[in-house]
Structures are given as structure tokens and as C-alpha cells.
Amino acid sequence: MRVCKLGKTDELVEKHGRYAEVLGLIDSPSGVQARLKFGDGHRQTLPVRRIRMLQKEGIPHSKDGWF
């Protein structure tokens, strides 16, 4: 499970919280978007430019990762 933090404080953050679980990534014509599920059960798709991925240091990176 990956968790993300929304960077911008707006109506979405005030209503559903700053942190969400990342369900997956979608490659769309307008750019990469993340499917998110908030703590209250609300689901939404947002551009990845609006979020910051959080991950524990002990979790190994994928073998095909670029970092």
C-alpha cells in the first residue's frame, strides 16, 4: 500500500483530508493521474503533479525502477 500527501490546501483537502491511499496510476492524454482513496472512503482521480508519494525507507524499490 502506498500513501500520498496532497500538496495544495483546497476544498478537497478540507473535506476529505490531506492523506490518501494510492490505488493505481493511469496514463491519460493529459498526463499521468493517480487513483486515490481517502480515509472516509471517497475516491478521486488527480494529476500526480498535485500529490507527493510517501513510502517507508525499509520498503525495497522495484527491480525495474529508475531510482
N, C-alpha and C. Protein backbone atom coordinates (compact mmCIF):
# COMPACT_ATOMS: atom_id res chain seq x y z
N MET A 1 0.84 -1.18 0.00
CA MET A 1 0.00 0.00 0.00
C MET A 1 0.88 1.24 0.00
N ARG A 2 0.61 2.14 -0.88
CA ARG A 2 1.31 3.42 -0.92
C ARG A 2 0.37 4.51 -0.46
N VAL A 3 0.93 5.45 0.23
CA VAL A 3 0.17 6.58 0.75
C VAL A 3 0.72 7.84 0.12
N CYS A 4 -0.14 8.80 -0.15
CA CYS A 4 0.31 10.08 -0.70
C CYS A 4 -0.23 11.22 0.14
N LYS A 5 0.40 12.35 -0.04
CA LYS A 5 0.01 13.58 0.65
C LYS A 5 -0.31 14.61 -0.41
N LEU A 6 -1.47 15.22 -0.29
CA LEU A 6 -1.84 16.27 -1.23
C LEU A 6 -1.10 17.55 -0.86
N GLY A 7 -0.52 18.20 -1.85
CA GLY A 7 0.32 19.35 -1.60
C GLY A 7 -0.42 20.66 -1.43
N LYS A 8 -1.56 20.79 -2.07
CA LYS A 8 -2.27 22.06 -2.08
C LYS A 8 -3.48 21.98 -1.15
N THR A 9 -3.63 22.97 -0.29
CA THR A 9 -4.79 23.03 0.59
C THR A 9 -5.95 23.68 -0.17
N ASP A 10 -7.00 22.91 -0.39
CA ASP A 10 -8.17 23.40 -1.10
C ASP A 10 -9.41 22.72 -0.53
N GLU A 11 -10.51 22.80 -1.24
CA GLU A 11 -11.77 22.23 -0.77
C GLU A 11 -11.67 20.72 -0.59
N LEU A 12 -10.96 20.03 -1.48
CA LEU A 12 -10.80 18.58 -1.40
C LEU A 12 -10.09 18.18 -0.11
N VAL A 13 -9.03 18.89 0.24
CA VAL A 13 -8.28 18.59 1.46
C VAL A 13 -9.13 18.88 2.69
N GLU A 14 -9.83 19.98 2.68
CA GLU A 14 -10.68 20.32 3.83
C GLU A 14 -11.81 19.32 4.04
N LYS A 15 -12.33 18.77 2.95
CA LYS A 15 -13.47 17.88 3.03
C LYS A 15 -13.08 16.43 3.36
N HIS A 16 -11.96 15.94 2.74
CA HIS A 16 -11.62 14.52 2.85
C HIS A 16 -10.28 14.24 3.53
N GLY A 17 -9.47 15.26 3.79
CA GLY A 17 -8.19 15.06 4.45
C GLY A 17 -7.02 15.21 3.50
N ARG A 18 -5.83 15.34 4.06
CA ARG A 18 -4.62 15.59 3.28
C ARG A 18 -3.98 14.30 2.76
N TYR A 19 -4.24 13.16 3.41
CA TYR A 19 -3.59 11.90 3.05
C TYR A 19 -4.58 10.94 2.40
N ALA A 20 -4.08 10.14 1.44
CA ALA A 20 -4.92 9.18 0.73
C ALA A 20 -4.09 7.97 0.33
N GLU A 21 -4.77 6.86 0.13
CA GLU A 21 -4.13 5.64 -0.36
C GLU A 21 -4.12 5.68 -1.89
N VAL A 22 -3.00 5.32 -2.49
CA VAL A 22 -2.89 5.30 -3.96
C VAL A 22 -3.31 3.92 -4.44
N LEU A 23 -4.39 3.87 -5.19
CA LEU A 23 -4.89 2.60 -5.72
C LEU A 23 -4.21 2.22 -7.02
N GLY A 24 -3.73 3.20 -7.76
CA GLY A 24 -3.06 2.92 -9.02
C GLY A 24 -2.77 4.19 -9.80
N LEU A 25 -2.02 4.04 -10.88
CA LEU A 25 -1.69 5.16 -11.75
C LEU A 25 -2.30 4.92 -13.12
N ILE A 26 -2.75 6.00 -13.74
CA ILE A 26 -3.39 5.94 -15.05
C ILE A 26 -2.64 6.87 -15.99
N ASP A 27 -2.29 6.37 -17.16
CA ASP A 27 -1.64 7.21 -18.18
C ASP A 27 -2.73 7.74 -19.10
N SER A 28 -2.98 9.05 -19.05
CA SER A 28 -4.04 9.65 -19.85
C SER A 28 -3.44 10.68 -20.81
N PRO A 29 -4.20 11.14 -21.78
CA PRO A 29 -3.68 12.15 -22.72
C PRO A 29 -3.24 13.44 -22.05
N SER A 30 -3.83 13.76 -20.90
CA SER A 30 -3.46 14.99 -20.20
C SER A 30 -2.32 14.78 -19.21
N GLY A 31 -1.78 13.57 -19.13
CA GLY A 31 -0.68 13.27 -18.22
C GLY A 31 -1.04 12.12 -17.29
N VAL A 32 -0.09 11.75 -16.45
CA VAL A 32 -0.30 10.64 -15.53
C VAL A 32 -1.19 11.09 -14.38
N GLN A 33 -2.17 10.26 -14.03
CA GLN A 33 -3.08 10.56 -12.93
C GLN A 33 -3.07 9.42 -11.94
N ALA A 34 -3.32 9.74 -10.68
CA ALA A 34 -3.36 8.74 -9.61
C ALA A 34 -4.80 8.53 -9.16
N ARG A 35 -5.17 7.26 -8.99
CA ARG A 35 -6.48 6.93 -8.41
C ARG A 35 -6.30 6.88 -6.90
N LEU A 36 -7.03 7.70 -6.18
CA LEU A 36 -6.86 7.85 -4.74
C LEU A 36 -8.10 7.41 -3.98
N LYS A 37 -7.87 6.89 -2.77
CA LYS A 37 -8.96 6.55 -1.85
C LYS A 37 -8.63 7.21 -0.51
N PHE A 38 -9.50 8.12 -0.09
CA PHE A 38 -9.30 8.85 1.16
C PHE A 38 -9.79 8.03 2.34
N GLY A 39 -9.45 8.45 3.54
CA GLY A 39 -9.81 7.73 4.76
C GLY A 39 -11.30 7.59 4.98
N ASP A 40 -12.08 8.53 4.47
CA ASP A 40 -13.53 8.46 4.63
C ASP A 40 -14.21 7.65 3.53
N GLY A 41 -13.43 7.01 2.66
CA GLY A 41 -13.98 6.17 1.60
C GLY A 41 -14.16 6.87 0.27
N HIS A 42 -13.98 8.19 0.23
CA HIS A 42 -14.13 8.95 -1.02
C HIS A 42 -13.00 8.57 -1.98
N ARG A 43 -13.36 8.37 -3.24
CA ARG A 43 -12.37 8.05 -4.29
C ARG A 43 -12.35 9.16 -5.33
N GLN A 44 -11.13 9.46 -5.81
CA GLN A 44 -10.99 10.51 -6.81
C GLN A 44 -9.71 10.29 -7.60
N THR A 45 -9.69 10.78 -8.82
CA THR A 45 -8.51 10.73 -9.67
C THR A 45 -7.93 12.14 -9.77
N LEU A 46 -6.63 12.25 -9.50
CA LEU A 46 -5.94 13.55 -9.54
C LEU A 46 -4.65 13.44 -10.32
N PRO A 47 -4.21 14.53 -10.95
CA PRO A 47 -2.90 14.52 -11.60
C PRO A 47 -1.79 14.30 -10.56
N VAL A 48 -0.76 13.56 -10.94
CA VAL A 48 0.32 13.27 -9.99
C VAL A 48 1.10 14.53 -9.61
N ARG A 49 0.95 15.60 -10.36
CA ARG A 49 1.63 16.86 -10.01
C ARG A 49 1.08 17.45 -8.71
N ARG A 50 -0.11 17.04 -8.30
CA ARG A 50 -0.74 17.58 -7.08
C ARG A 50 -0.43 16.78 -5.83
N ILE A 51 0.25 15.63 -5.98
CA ILE A 51 0.47 14.78 -4.81
C ILE A 51 1.95 14.50 -4.60
N ARG A 52 2.27 14.07 -3.41
CA ARG A 52 3.63 13.63 -3.08
C ARG A 52 3.51 12.22 -2.51
N MET A 53 4.22 11.26 -3.12
CA MET A 53 4.17 9.88 -2.67
C MET A 53 5.00 9.73 -1.40
N LEU A 54 4.48 9.01 -0.44
CA LEU A 54 5.17 8.73 0.81
C LEU A 54 5.43 7.23 0.88
N GLN A 55 6.62 6.85 1.30
CA GLN A 55 6.96 5.44 1.37
C GLN A 55 7.98 5.24 2.48
N LYS A 56 7.84 4.19 3.25
CA LYS A 56 8.81 3.88 4.29
C LYS A 56 10.16 3.55 3.66
N GLU A 57 11.23 3.87 4.38
CA GLU A 57 12.57 3.62 3.84
C GLU A 57 12.88 2.14 3.74
N GLY A 58 12.29 1.31 4.59
CA GLY A 58 12.57 -0.12 4.60
C GLY A 58 11.95 -0.89 3.45
N ILE A 59 11.05 -0.29 2.71
CA ILE A 59 10.40 -0.97 1.60
C ILE A 59 11.34 -0.94 0.39
N PRO A 60 11.70 -2.11 -0.15
CA PRO A 60 12.62 -2.12 -1.30
C PRO A 60 11.97 -1.54 -2.55
N HIS A 61 12.78 -0.91 -3.37
CA HIS A 61 12.30 -0.35 -4.63
C HIS A 61 12.10 -1.48 -5.63
N SER A 62 11.27 -1.28 -6.63
CA SER A 62 11.06 -2.29 -7.64
C SER A 62 12.33 -2.49 -8.46
N LYS A 63 12.54 -3.70 -8.97
CA LYS A 63 13.78 -4.00 -9.68
C LYS A 63 13.89 -3.23 -10.99
N ASP A 64 12.75 -2.82 -11.57
CA ASP A 64 12.78 -2.07 -12.83
C ASP A 64 12.66 -0.58 -12.61
N GLY A 65 12.74 -0.14 -11.34
CA GLY A 65 12.63 1.28 -11.04
C GLY A 65 13.82 2.06 -11.55
N TRP A 66 13.63 3.33 -11.81
CA TRP A 66 14.71 4.16 -12.36
C TRP A 66 15.53 4.85 -11.28
N PHE A 67 15.20 4.72 -10.03
CA PHE A 67 15.96 5.38 -8.97
C PHE A 67 16.72 4.40 -8.12
